[in-house]
C-alpha cells in the first residue's frame, strides 16, 4: 500500500503524518508513506484543501483531520 500525505507543513498536516505513521507501525500495516509538500504536486491530484490523504493514488479525504480511529478503519479496509 502506498500512502501519500498531502500538505505544506501546517500543524494539521504534520499531525496527520504523525498519526498515519503511528497507525502503520502499531498495526503492522505493510505500507510506504510519503509526504507531498509541493503545492504544484498537490494541485495535480485535484486536492484543494489540506491536509489530504491518498492511498494507492486515490484521494480518501481532504480538508479535515480525521480521528485516529477513523484513520485506522480506513487503512485496515484498504
N, C-alpha and C. Protein backbone atom coordinates (compact mmCIF):
# COMPACT_ATOMS: atom_id res chain seq x y z
N UNK A 1 0.85 -1.18 0.00
CA UNK A 1 0.00 0.00 0.00
C UNK A 1 0.89 1.23 0.00
N UNK A 2 0.54 2.20 -0.84
CA UNK A 2 1.29 3.45 -0.89
C UNK A 2 0.41 4.56 -0.32
N UNK A 3 0.88 5.18 0.76
CA UNK A 3 0.14 6.25 1.42
C UNK A 3 0.86 7.56 1.17
N UNK A 4 0.12 8.55 0.69
CA UNK A 4 0.67 9.88 0.48
C UNK A 4 -0.08 10.87 1.36
N UNK A 5 0.68 11.65 2.12
CA UNK A 5 0.10 12.70 2.94
C UNK A 5 0.37 14.01 2.22
N UNK A 6 -0.69 14.71 1.87
CA UNK A 6 -0.56 15.95 1.11
C UNK A 6 -0.76 17.14 2.04
N UNK A 7 0.26 17.97 2.11
CA UNK A 7 0.17 19.16 2.96
C UNK A 7 1.48 19.91 2.96
N UNK A 8 1.38 21.21 3.12
CA UNK A 8 2.57 22.06 3.02
C UNK A 8 3.37 22.16 4.32
N UNK A 9 2.87 21.59 5.38
CA UNK A 9 3.60 21.63 6.64
C UNK A 9 2.86 22.33 7.76
N UNK A 10 1.57 22.57 7.57
CA UNK A 10 0.78 23.20 8.63
C UNK A 10 0.64 22.22 9.81
N UNK A 11 0.24 22.70 10.97
CA UNK A 11 0.12 21.80 12.13
C UNK A 11 -0.80 20.60 11.88
N UNK A 12 -1.93 20.80 11.18
CA UNK A 12 -2.83 19.67 10.91
C UNK A 12 -2.18 18.66 9.98
N UNK A 13 -1.43 19.14 9.00
CA UNK A 13 -0.74 18.25 8.06
C UNK A 13 0.30 17.42 8.81
N UNK A 14 1.04 18.06 9.69
CA UNK A 14 2.05 17.35 10.47
C UNK A 14 1.41 16.34 11.41
N UNK A 15 0.28 16.69 11.99
CA UNK A 15 -0.44 15.78 12.89
C UNK A 15 -0.94 14.56 12.11
N UNK A 16 -1.45 14.78 10.89
CA UNK A 16 -1.91 13.66 10.08
C UNK A 16 -0.75 12.72 9.77
N UNK A 17 0.39 13.27 9.40
CA UNK A 17 1.55 12.42 9.12
C UNK A 17 1.95 11.61 10.34
N UNK A 18 1.97 12.24 11.49
CA UNK A 18 2.33 11.54 12.73
C UNK A 18 1.34 10.42 13.03
N UNK A 19 0.04 10.69 12.89
CA UNK A 19 -0.98 9.68 13.17
C UNK A 19 -0.86 8.50 12.19
N UNK A 20 -0.67 8.78 10.92
CA UNK A 20 -0.55 7.72 9.92
C UNK A 20 0.65 6.84 10.23
N UNK A 21 1.78 7.46 10.53
CA UNK A 21 2.99 6.69 10.84
C UNK A 21 2.78 5.82 12.08
N UNK A 22 2.13 6.36 13.11
CA UNK A 22 1.86 5.59 14.33
C UNK A 22 0.94 4.40 14.04
N UNK A 23 -0.12 4.63 13.29
CA UNK A 23 -1.07 3.57 12.97
C UNK A 23 -0.40 2.46 12.17
N UNK A 24 0.39 2.82 11.18
CA UNK A 24 1.07 1.84 10.35
C UNK A 24 2.02 1.00 11.21
N UNK A 25 2.78 1.66 12.06
CA UNK A 25 3.74 0.95 12.91
C UNK A 25 3.04 0.08 13.96
N UNK A 26 2.07 0.63 14.66
CA UNK A 26 1.39 -0.09 15.74
C UNK A 26 0.59 -1.29 15.25
N UNK A 27 0.13 -1.25 14.00
CA UNK A 27 -0.74 -2.30 13.49
C UNK A 27 -0.08 -3.19 12.44
N UNK A 28 1.21 -2.99 12.23
CA UNK A 28 1.95 -3.83 11.30
C UNK A 28 1.42 -3.76 9.87
N UNK A 29 0.94 -2.59 9.48
CA UNK A 29 0.40 -2.42 8.13
C UNK A 29 1.58 -2.27 7.15
N UNK A 30 1.54 -3.06 6.09
CA UNK A 30 2.59 -3.02 5.08
C UNK A 30 2.33 -1.83 4.15
N UNK A 31 3.05 -0.74 4.38
CA UNK A 31 2.79 0.48 3.62
C UNK A 31 4.07 1.30 3.46
N UNK A 32 4.10 2.02 2.37
CA UNK A 32 5.13 3.02 2.13
C UNK A 32 4.45 4.37 2.31
N UNK A 33 5.07 5.23 3.12
CA UNK A 33 4.47 6.54 3.42
C UNK A 33 5.36 7.63 2.84
N UNK A 34 4.73 8.54 2.12
CA UNK A 34 5.49 9.70 1.64
C UNK A 34 4.70 10.96 1.92
N UNK A 35 5.45 12.04 2.10
CA UNK A 35 4.85 13.35 2.37
C UNK A 35 5.03 14.20 1.13
N UNK A 36 3.95 14.78 0.64
CA UNK A 36 3.99 15.65 -0.54
C UNK A 36 3.73 17.08 -0.06
N UNK A 37 4.76 17.93 -0.17
CA UNK A 37 4.65 19.31 0.31
C UNK A 37 4.54 20.32 -0.83
N UNK A 38 4.95 19.92 -2.03
CA UNK A 38 4.96 20.82 -3.17
C UNK A 38 3.53 21.15 -3.60
N UNK A 39 3.20 22.44 -3.60
CA UNK A 39 1.85 22.90 -3.92
C UNK A 39 1.43 22.47 -5.32
N UNK A 40 2.35 22.52 -6.28
CA UNK A 40 2.02 22.12 -7.65
C UNK A 40 1.70 20.63 -7.73
N UNK A 41 2.45 19.81 -7.01
CA UNK A 41 2.19 18.37 -6.99
C UNK A 41 0.85 18.07 -6.32
N UNK A 42 0.56 18.79 -5.25
CA UNK A 42 -0.74 18.62 -4.57
C UNK A 42 -1.87 19.00 -5.51
N UNK A 43 -1.73 20.10 -6.22
CA UNK A 43 -2.77 20.56 -7.14
C UNK A 43 -3.03 19.56 -8.26
N UNK A 44 -2.00 18.86 -8.71
CA UNK A 44 -2.15 17.86 -9.77
C UNK A 44 -3.08 16.72 -9.35
N UNK A 45 -3.22 16.49 -8.06
CA UNK A 45 -4.09 15.41 -7.56
C UNK A 45 -5.54 15.85 -7.51
N UNK A 46 -5.78 17.16 -7.68
CA UNK A 46 -7.14 17.68 -7.59
C UNK A 46 -7.51 18.14 -6.19
N UNK A 47 -6.60 17.98 -5.24
CA UNK A 47 -6.85 18.38 -3.85
C UNK A 47 -6.72 19.89 -3.75
N UNK A 48 -7.74 20.51 -3.17
CA UNK A 48 -7.71 21.96 -2.98
C UNK A 48 -7.56 22.35 -1.52
N UNK A 49 -7.88 21.43 -0.62
CA UNK A 49 -7.76 21.69 0.81
C UNK A 49 -6.89 20.63 1.46
N UNK A 50 -5.95 21.08 2.29
CA UNK A 50 -5.10 20.14 3.02
C UNK A 50 -5.44 20.22 4.50
N UNK A 51 -5.12 19.21 5.27
CA UNK A 51 -4.39 18.01 4.87
C UNK A 51 -5.27 17.07 4.05
N UNK A 52 -4.59 16.24 3.28
CA UNK A 52 -5.30 15.24 2.48
C UNK A 52 -4.52 13.93 2.56
N UNK A 53 -5.24 12.85 2.32
CA UNK A 53 -4.63 11.53 2.36
C UNK A 53 -4.98 10.78 1.09
N UNK A 54 -3.96 10.22 0.47
CA UNK A 54 -4.16 9.37 -0.70
C UNK A 54 -3.65 7.97 -0.37
N UNK A 55 -4.40 6.98 -0.80
CA UNK A 55 -3.97 5.59 -0.65
C UNK A 55 -3.98 4.99 -2.05
N UNK A 56 -2.82 4.49 -2.44
CA UNK A 56 -2.66 3.92 -3.79
C UNK A 56 -3.20 4.86 -4.86
N UNK A 57 -2.79 6.12 -4.76
CA UNK A 57 -3.10 7.19 -5.73
C UNK A 57 -4.57 7.58 -5.80
N UNK A 58 -5.35 7.21 -4.80
CA UNK A 58 -6.75 7.61 -4.73
C UNK A 58 -6.96 8.48 -3.49
N UNK A 59 -7.50 9.68 -3.69
CA UNK A 59 -7.74 10.60 -2.57
C UNK A 59 -8.85 10.02 -1.69
N UNK A 60 -8.55 9.87 -0.41
CA UNK A 60 -9.52 9.31 0.53
C UNK A 60 -10.25 10.42 1.30
N UNK A 61 -9.57 11.52 1.57
CA UNK A 61 -10.21 12.68 2.18
C UNK A 61 -9.29 13.88 2.04
N UNK A 62 -9.88 15.07 2.18
CA UNK A 62 -9.08 16.29 2.18
C UNK A 62 -9.79 17.37 2.97
N UNK A 63 -8.99 18.28 3.50
CA UNK A 63 -9.53 19.44 4.20
C UNK A 63 -9.97 19.18 5.63
N UNK A 64 -9.64 18.01 6.16
CA UNK A 64 -10.02 17.72 7.54
C UNK A 64 -8.99 16.78 8.16
N UNK A 65 -9.04 16.72 9.46
CA UNK A 65 -8.17 15.82 10.21
C UNK A 65 -9.07 14.77 10.87
N UNK A 66 -9.05 13.54 10.35
CA UNK A 66 -9.92 12.52 10.91
C UNK A 66 -9.42 12.06 12.28
N UNK A 67 -10.26 11.36 13.00
CA UNK A 67 -9.82 10.78 14.27
C UNK A 67 -8.87 9.63 13.97
N UNK A 68 -8.09 9.25 14.96
CA UNK A 68 -7.16 8.14 14.79
C UNK A 68 -7.94 6.85 14.50
N UNK A 69 -9.10 6.70 15.12
CA UNK A 69 -9.93 5.51 14.92
C UNK A 69 -10.43 5.44 13.47
N UNK A 70 -10.87 6.58 12.93
CA UNK A 70 -11.34 6.61 11.55
C UNK A 70 -10.21 6.30 10.57
N UNK A 71 -9.03 6.82 10.88
CA UNK A 71 -7.86 6.54 10.04
C UNK A 71 -7.52 5.06 10.05
N UNK A 72 -7.54 4.46 11.22
CA UNK A 72 -7.24 3.04 11.35
C UNK A 72 -8.24 2.22 10.54
N UNK A 73 -9.52 2.54 10.66
CA UNK A 73 -10.55 1.84 9.90
C UNK A 73 -10.30 1.97 8.40
N UNK A 74 -10.00 3.18 7.94
CA UNK A 74 -9.76 3.43 6.54
C UNK A 74 -8.57 2.59 6.04
N UNK A 75 -7.47 2.61 6.79
CA UNK A 75 -6.27 1.90 6.35
C UNK A 75 -6.45 0.39 6.43
N UNK A 76 -7.20 -0.09 7.40
CA UNK A 76 -7.44 -1.53 7.51
C UNK A 76 -8.33 -2.04 6.39
N UNK A 77 -9.18 -1.17 5.83
CA UNK A 77 -10.08 -1.58 4.77
C UNK A 77 -9.45 -1.53 3.39
N UNK A 78 -8.22 -1.05 3.32
CA UNK A 78 -7.55 -0.95 2.01
C UNK A 78 -6.90 -2.23 1.63
